[in-house]
Amino acid sequence: MGIIAISMSSIENFISVRFQDDGVGIPEDMDLPKIKSLGIKLINNLVVKQLKGNLRICRNPGTEIIFSFRIS
């Protein structure tokens, strides 16, 4: 059985959201900007384009997706 962790934090005018699992992870040879996954495209469009935030995907054992954005 796998583990999924979701956390959210607020520092000054920034919100940071972190999703992490202990699955097999994203392969090193996968080019993240070219992923055709609907989920990754939705997250990228929302965070980067609409919220003008930052998106980081880490390939640890498992996968970790962290996004942050400024709140007004």
PDB file of N, CA and C in Angstrom:
ATOM      1  N   MET A   1       0.835  -1.170   0.000  1.00  0.00           N
ATOM      2  CA  MET A   1       0.000   0.000   0.000  1.00  0.00           C
ATOM      3  C   MET A   1       0.885   1.240   0.000  1.00  0.00           C
ATOM      4  N   GLY A   2       0.580   2.208  -0.861  1.00  0.00           N
ATOM      5  CA  GLY A   2       1.386   3.408  -0.992  1.00  0.00           C
ATOM      6  C   GLY A   2       0.955   4.512  -0.049  1.00  0.00           C
ATOM      7  N   ILE A   3       1.807   5.505   0.035  1.00  0.00           N
ATOM      8  CA  ILE A   3       1.548   6.658   0.894  1.00  0.00           C
ATOM      9  C   ILE A   3       1.501   7.915   0.026  1.00  0.00           C
ATOM     10  N   ILE A   4       0.503   8.757   0.274  1.00  0.00           N
ATOM     11  CA  ILE A   4       0.385  10.055  -0.384  1.00  0.00           C
ATOM     12  C   ILE A   4       0.320  11.100   0.715  1.00  0.00           C
ATOM     13  N   ALA A   5       1.137  12.137   0.599  1.00  0.00           N
ATOM     14  CA  ALA A   5       1.140  13.224   1.581  1.00  0.00           C
ATOM     15  C   ALA A   5       0.851  14.533   0.861  1.00  0.00           C
ATOM     16  N   ILE A   6      -0.026  15.329   1.435  1.00  0.00           N
ATOM     17  CA  ILE A   6      -0.359  16.643   0.891  1.00  0.00           C
ATOM     18  C   ILE A   6      -0.226  17.647   2.023  1.00  0.00           C
ATOM     19  N   SER A   7       0.513  18.714   1.759  1.00  0.00           N
ATOM     20  CA  SER A   7       0.653  19.752   2.784  1.00  0.00           C
ATOM     21  C   SER A   7       0.588  21.122   2.128  1.00  0.00           C
ATOM     22  N   MET A   8       0.221  22.097   2.932  1.00  0.00           N
ATOM     23  CA  MET A   8       0.107  23.467   2.449  1.00  0.00           C
ATOM     24  C   MET A   8       0.646  24.380   3.533  1.00  0.00           C
ATOM     25  N   SER A   9       1.403  25.405   3.112  1.00  0.00           N
ATOM     26  CA  SER A   9       1.925  26.355   4.089  1.00  0.00           C
ATOM     27  C   SER A   9       1.815  27.766   3.522  1.00  0.00           C
ATOM     28  N   SER A  10       1.827  28.708   4.437  1.00  0.00           N
ATOM     29  CA  SER A  10       1.745  30.112   4.066  1.00  0.00           C
ATOM     30  C   SER A  10       2.865  30.865   4.769  1.00  0.00           C
ATOM     31  N   ILE A  11       3.661  31.581   3.993  1.00  0.00           N
ATOM     32  CA  ILE A  11       4.734  32.418   4.535  1.00  0.00           C
ATOM     33  C   ILE A  11       4.571  33.791   3.905  1.00  0.00           C
ATOM     34  N   GLU A  12       4.324  34.766   4.750  1.00  0.00           N
ATOM     35  CA  GLU A  12       4.072  36.141   4.315  1.00  0.00           C
ATOM     36  C   GLU A  12       2.996  36.137   3.239  1.00  0.00           C
ATOM     37  N   ASN A  13       3.305  36.539   2.010  1.00  0.00           N
ATOM     38  CA  ASN A  13       2.305  36.614   0.939  1.00  0.00           C
ATOM     39  C   ASN A  13       2.393  35.456  -0.041  1.00  0.00           C
ATOM     40  N   PHE A  14       2.970  34.323   0.379  1.00  0.00           N
ATOM     41  CA  PHE A  14       3.115  33.182  -0.507  1.00  0.00           C
ATOM     42  C   PHE A  14       2.409  31.960   0.062  1.00  0.00           C
ATOM     43  N   ILE A  15       1.789  31.215  -0.820  1.00  0.00           N
ATOM     44  CA  ILE A  15       1.193  29.915  -0.491  1.00  0.00           C
ATOM     45  C   ILE A  15       2.038  28.857  -1.185  1.00  0.00           C
ATOM     46  N   SER A  16       2.335  27.788  -0.488  1.00  0.00           N
ATOM     47  CA  SER A  16       3.078  26.667  -1.052  1.00  0.00           C
ATOM     48  C   SER A  16       2.284  25.385  -0.801  1.00  0.00           C
ATOM     49  N   VAL A  17       2.106  24.595  -1.856  1.00  0.00           N
ATOM     50  CA  VAL A  17       1.380  23.332  -1.763  1.00  0.00           C
ATOM     51  C   VAL A  17       2.317  22.219  -2.214  1.00  0.00           C
ATOM     52  N   ARG A  18       2.349  21.126  -1.439  1.00  0.00           N
ATOM     53  CA  ARG A  18       3.266  20.016  -1.726  1.00  0.00           C
ATOM     54  C   ARG A  18       2.489  18.704  -1.765  1.00  0.00           C
ATOM     55  N   PHE A  19       2.665  17.969  -2.859  1.00  0.00           N
ATOM     56  CA  PHE A  19       2.098  16.635  -3.027  1.00  0.00           C
ATOM     57  C   PHE A  19       3.273  15.670  -3.129  1.00  0.00           C
ATOM     58  N   GLN A  20       3.231  14.585  -2.387  1.00  0.00           N
ATOM     59  CA  GLN A  20       4.335  13.617  -2.419  1.00  0.00           C
ATOM     60  C   GLN A  20       3.773  12.209  -2.303  1.00  0.00           C
ATOM     61  N   ASP A  21       4.373  11.282  -3.053  1.00  0.00           N
ATOM     62  CA  ASP A  21       4.008   9.879  -2.905  1.00  0.00           C
ATOM     63  C   ASP A  21       5.268   9.030  -2.855  1.00  0.00           C
ATOM     64  N   ASP A  22       5.108   7.770  -2.509  1.00  0.00           N
ATOM     65  CA  ASP A  22       6.267   6.875  -2.413  1.00  0.00           C
ATOM     66  C   ASP A  22       6.255   5.826  -3.522  1.00  0.00           C
ATOM     67  N   GLY A  23       5.663   6.197  -4.662  1.00  0.00           N
ATOM     68  CA  GLY A  23       5.578   5.274  -5.793  1.00  0.00           C
ATOM     69  C   GLY A  23       6.900   5.136  -6.534  1.00  0.00           C
ATOM     70  N   VAL A  24       6.808   4.664  -7.770  1.00  0.00           N
ATOM     71  CA  VAL A  24       8.005   4.404  -8.574  1.00  0.00           C
ATOM     72  C   VAL A  24       8.670   5.683  -9.073  1.00  0.00           C
ATOM     73  N   GLY A  25       7.958   6.800  -9.057  1.00  0.00           N
ATOM     74  CA  GLY A  25       8.537   8.067  -9.474  1.00  0.00           C
ATOM     75  C   GLY A  25       8.470   8.283 -10.972  1.00  0.00           C
ATOM     76  N   ILE A  26       8.877   9.454 -11.391  1.00  0.00           N
ATOM     77  CA  ILE A  26       8.915   9.818 -12.802  1.00  0.00           C
ATOM     78  C   ILE A  26      10.286   9.431 -13.341  1.00  0.00           C
ATOM     79  N   PRO A  27      10.340   8.697 -14.454  1.00  0.00           N
ATOM     80  CA  PRO A  27      11.634   8.279 -15.002  1.00  0.00           C
ATOM     81  C   PRO A  27      12.537   9.472 -15.323  1.00  0.00           C
ATOM     82  N   GLU A  28      13.840   9.306 -15.095  1.00  0.00           N
ATOM     83  CA  GLU A  28      14.817  10.366 -15.344  1.00  0.00           C
ATOM     84  C   GLU A  28      14.851  10.812 -16.801  1.00  0.00           C
ATOM     85  N   ASP A  29      14.550   9.907 -17.729  1.00  0.00           N
ATOM     86  CA  ASP A  29      14.635  10.252 -19.148  1.00  0.00           C
ATOM     87  C   ASP A  29      13.373  10.934 -19.672  1.00  0.00           C
ATOM     88  N   MET A  30      12.378  11.139 -18.821  1.00  0.00           N
ATOM     89  CA  MET A  30      11.145  11.783 -19.252  1.00  0.00           C
ATOM     90  C   MET A  30      11.341  13.303 -19.247  1.00  0.00           C
ATOM     91  N   ASP A  31      11.031  13.941 -20.373  1.00  0.00           N
ATOM     92  CA  ASP A  31      11.167  15.385 -20.526  1.00  0.00           C
ATOM     93  C   ASP A  31       9.894  16.045 -20.001  1.00  0.00           C
ATOM     94  N   LEU A  32       9.970  16.633 -18.808  1.00  0.00           N
ATOM     95  CA  LEU A  32       8.776  17.148 -18.136  1.00  0.00           C
ATOM     96  C   LEU A  32       7.975  18.158 -18.948  1.00  0.00           C
ATOM     97  N   PRO A  33       8.598  19.114 -19.647  1.00  0.00           N
ATOM     98  CA  PRO A  33       7.784  20.056 -20.427  1.00  0.00           C
ATOM     99  C   PRO A  33       7.001  19.378 -21.563  1.00  0.00           C
ATOM    100  N   LYS A  34       7.408  18.189 -21.966  1.00  0.00           N
ATOM    101  CA  LYS A  34       6.738  17.515 -23.081  1.00  0.00           C
ATOM    102  C   LYS A  34       5.772  16.417 -22.632  1.00  0.00           C
ATOM    103  N   ILE A  35       5.546  16.286 -21.327  1.00  0.00           N
ATOM    104  CA  ILE A  35       4.613  15.270 -20.819  1.00  0.00           C
ATOM    105  C   ILE A  35       3.211  15.582 -21.322  1.00  0.00           C
ATOM    106  N   LYS A  36       2.521  14.571 -21.807  1.00  0.00           N
ATOM    107  CA  LYS A  36       1.184  14.760 -22.344  1.00  0.00           C
ATOM    108  C   LYS A  36       0.094  14.475 -21.318  1.00  0.00           C
ATOM    109  N   SER A  37       0.477  14.262 -20.075  1.00  0.00           N
ATOM    110  CA  SER A  37      -0.472  13.978 -19.009  1.00  0.00           C
ATOM    111  C   SER A  37      -1.400  15.176 -18.784  1.00  0.00           C
ATOM    112  N   LEU A  38      -2.688  14.928 -18.763  1.00  0.00           N
ATOM    113  CA  LEU A  38      -3.651  15.993 -18.544  1.00  0.00           C
ATOM    114  C   LEU A  38      -3.444  16.639 -17.180  1.00  0.00           C
ATOM    115  N   GLY A  39      -3.144  15.841 -16.159  1.00  0.00           N
ATOM    116  CA  GLY A  39      -2.935  16.376 -14.815  1.00  0.00           C
ATOM    117  C   GLY A  39      -1.781  17.359 -14.761  1.00  0.00           C
ATOM    118  N   ILE A  40      -0.648  16.993 -15.353  1.00  0.00           N
ATOM    119  CA  ILE A  40       0.524  17.888 -15.359  1.00  0.00           C
ATOM    120  C   ILE A  40       0.212  19.152 -16.152  1.00  0.00           C
ATOM    121  N   LYS A  41      -0.482  19.020 -17.272  1.00  0.00           N
ATOM    122  CA  LYS A  41      -0.841  20.196 -18.075  1.00  0.00           C
ATOM    123  C   LYS A  41      -1.756  21.133 -17.288  1.00  0.00           C
ATOM    124  N   LEU A  42      -2.736  20.576 -16.573  1.00  0.00           N
ATOM    125  CA  LEU A  42      -3.650  21.403 -15.786  1.00  0.00           C
ATOM    126  C   LEU A  42      -2.922  22.142 -14.672  1.00  0.00           C
ATOM    127  N   ILE A  43      -2.049  21.424 -13.960  1.00  0.00           N
ATOM    128  CA  ILE A  43      -1.283  22.050 -12.885  1.00  0.00           C
ATOM    129  C   ILE A  43      -0.398  23.158 -13.445  1.00  0.00           C
ATOM    130  N   ASN A  44       0.300  22.876 -14.541  1.00  0.00           N
ATOM    131  CA  ASN A  44       1.181  23.875 -15.148  1.00  0.00           C
ATOM    132  C   ASN A  44       0.390  25.108 -15.586  1.00  0.00           C
ATOM    133  N   ASN A  45      -0.738  24.903 -16.265  1.00  0.00           N
ATOM    134  CA  ASN A  45      -1.534  26.040 -16.728  1.00  0.00           C
ATOM    135  C   ASN A  45      -2.070  26.866 -15.565  1.00  0.00           C
ATOM    136  N   LEU A  46      -2.553  26.213 -14.530  1.00  0.00           N
ATOM    137  CA  LEU A  46      -3.096  26.939 -13.389  1.00  0.00           C
ATOM    138  C   LEU A  46      -2.007  27.689 -12.634  1.00  0.00           C
ATOM    139  N   VAL A  47      -0.957  26.971 -12.252  1.00  0.00           N
ATOM    140  CA  VAL A  47       0.072  27.568 -11.394  1.00  0.00           C
ATOM    141  C   VAL A  47       0.932  28.572 -12.145  1.00  0.00           C
ATOM    142  N   VAL A  48       1.507  28.172 -13.258  1.00  0.00           N
ATOM    143  CA  VAL A  48       2.482  29.011 -13.954  1.00  0.00           C
ATOM    144  C   VAL A  48       1.802  30.116 -14.762  1.00  0.00           C
ATOM    145  N   LYS A  49       0.808  29.760 -15.545  1.00  0.00           N
ATOM    146  CA  LYS A  49       0.219  30.751 -16.443  1.00  0.00           C
ATOM    147  C   LYS A  49      -0.816  31.639 -15.761  1.00  0.00           C
ATOM    148  N   GLN A  50      -1.719  31.044 -14.969  1.00  0.00           N
ATOM    149  CA  GLN A  50      -2.784  31.852 -14.377  1.00  0.00           C
ATOM    150  C   GLN A  50      -2.374  32.523 -13.070  1.00  0.00           C
ATOM    151  N   LEU A  51      -1.702  31.785 -12.188  1.00  0.00           N
ATOM    152  CA  LEU A  51      -1.324  32.350 -10.895  1.00  0.00           C
ATOM    153  C   LEU A  51       0.054  32.997 -10.905  1.00  0.00           C
ATOM    154  N   LYS A  52       0.779  32.879 -12.029  1.00  0.00           N
ATOM    155  CA  LYS A  52       2.145  33.416 -12.152  1.00  0.00           C
ATOM    156  C   LYS A  52       3.048  32.879 -11.043  1.00  0.00           C
ATOM    157  N   GLY A  53       2.884  31.594 -10.748  1.00  0.00           N
ATOM    158  CA  GLY A  53       3.643  30.966  -9.676  1.00  0.00           C
ATOM    159  C   GLY A  53       4.774  30.101 -10.185  1.00  0.00           C
ATOM    160  N   ASN A  54       5.321  29.293  -9.281  1.00  0.00           N
ATOM    161  CA  ASN A  54       6.428  28.391  -9.592  1.00  0.00           C
ATOM    162  C   ASN A  54       5.971  26.954  -9.399  1.00  0.00           C
ATOM    163  N   LEU A  55       6.461  26.082 -10.263  1.00  0.00           N
ATOM    164  CA  LEU A  55       6.157  24.661 -10.198  1.00  0.00           C
ATOM    165  C   LEU A  55       7.462  23.894 -10.204  1.00  0.00           C
ATOM    166  N   ARG A  56       7.614  22.969  -9.264  1.00  0.00           N
ATOM    167  CA  ARG A  56       8.822  22.146  -9.200  1.00  0.00           C
ATOM    168  C   ARG A  56       8.411  20.696  -9.026  1.00  0.00           C
ATOM    169  N   ILE A  57       8.985  19.835  -9.837  1.00  0.00           N
ATOM    170  CA  ILE A  57       8.728  18.401  -9.748  1.00  0.00           C
ATOM    171  C   ILE A  57      10.042  17.717  -9.412  1.00  0.00           C
ATOM    172  N   CYS A  58      10.064  16.994  -8.291  1.00  0.00           N
ATOM    173  CA  CYS A  58      11.273  16.315  -7.833  1.00  0.00           C
ATOM    174  C   CYS A  58      11.116  14.820  -8.044  1.00  0.00           C
ATOM    175  N   ARG A  59      12.187  14.209  -8.479  1.00  0.00           N
ATOM    176  CA  ARG A  59      12.200  12.769  -8.722  1.00  0.00           C
ATOM    177  C   ARG A  59      12.997  12.088  -7.628  1.00  0.00           C
ATOM    178  N   ASN A  60      12.451  12.052  -6.474  1.00  0.00           N
ATOM    179  CA  ASN A  60      13.060  11.332  -5.358  1.00  0.00           C
ATOM    180  C   ASN A  60      12.586   9.887  -5.477  1.00  0.00           C
ATOM    181  N   PRO A  61      12.867   9.075  -4.507  1.00  0.00           N
ATOM    182  CA  PRO A  61      12.078   7.837  -4.486  1.00  0.00           C
ATOM    183  C   PRO A  61      10.628   8.289  -4.362  1.00  0.00           C
ATOM    184  N   GLY A  62       9.842   8.012  -5.365  1.00  0.00           N
ATOM    185  CA  GLY A  62       8.491   8.552  -5.444  1.00  0.00           C
ATOM    186  C   GLY A  62       8.523   9.843  -6.237  1.00  0.00           C
ATOM    187  N   THR A  63       7.453  10.603  -6.155  1.00  0.00           N
ATOM    188  CA  THR A  63       7.357  11.868  -6.866  1.00  0.00           C
ATOM    189  C   THR A  63       6.921  12.945  -5.882  1.00  0.00           C
ATOM    190  N   GLU A  64       7.489  14.128  -6.045  1.00  0.00           N
ATOM    191  CA  GLU A  64       7.111  15.260  -5.216  1.00  0.00           C
ATOM    192  C   GLU A  64       6.838  16.449  -6.137  1.00  0.00           C
ATOM    193  N   ILE A  65       5.673  17.027  -6.011  1.00  0.00           N
ATOM    194  CA  ILE A  65       5.296  18.197  -6.801  1.00  0.00           C
ATOM    195  C   ILE A  65       5.049  19.336  -5.815  1.00  0.00           C
ATOM    196  N   ILE A  66       5.754  20.437  -6.027  1.00  0.00           N
ATOM    197  CA  ILE A  66       5.617  21.600  -5.152  1.00  0.00           C
ATOM    198  C   ILE A  66       5.279  22.803  -6.025  1.00  0.00           C
ATOM    199  N   PHE A  67       4.228  23.490  -5.662  1.00  0.00           N
ATOM    200  CA  PHE A  67       3.964  24.740  -6.355  1.00  0.00           C
ATOM    201  C   PHE A  67       3.685  25.847  -5.352  1.00  0.00           C
ATOM    202  N   SER A  68       4.086  27.036  -5.740  1.00  0.00           N
ATOM    203  CA  SER A  68       3.894  28.192  -4.863  1.00  0.00           C
ATOM    204  C   SER A  68       3.461  29.389  -5.699  1.00  0.00           C
ATOM    205  N   PHE A  69       2.744  30.270  -5.059  1.00  0.00           N
ATOM    206  CA  PHE A  69       2.260  31.455  -5.731  1.00  0.00           C
ATOM    207  C   PHE A  69       2.008  32.568  -4.718  1.00  0.00           C
ATOM    208  N   ARG A  70       2.019  33.790  -5.189  1.00  0.00           N
ATOM    209  CA  ARG A  70       1.818  34.974  -4.344  1.00  0.00           C
ATOM    210  C   ARG A  70       0.317  35.210  -4.193  1.00  0.00           C
ATOM    211  N   ILE A  71      -0.069  35.583  -2.979  1.00  0.00           N
ATOM    212  CA  ILE A  71      -1.451  36.003  -2.759  1.00  0.00           C
ATOM    213  C   ILE A  71      -1.448  37.501  -2.514  1.00  0.00           C
ATOM    214  N   SER A  72      -2.528  38.161  -2.911  1.00  0.00           N
ATOM    215  CA  SER A  72      -2.572  39.624  -2.758  1.00  0.00           C
ATOM    216  C   SER A  72      -3.244  40.004  -1.471  1.00  0.00           C
TER     217      SER A  72
END
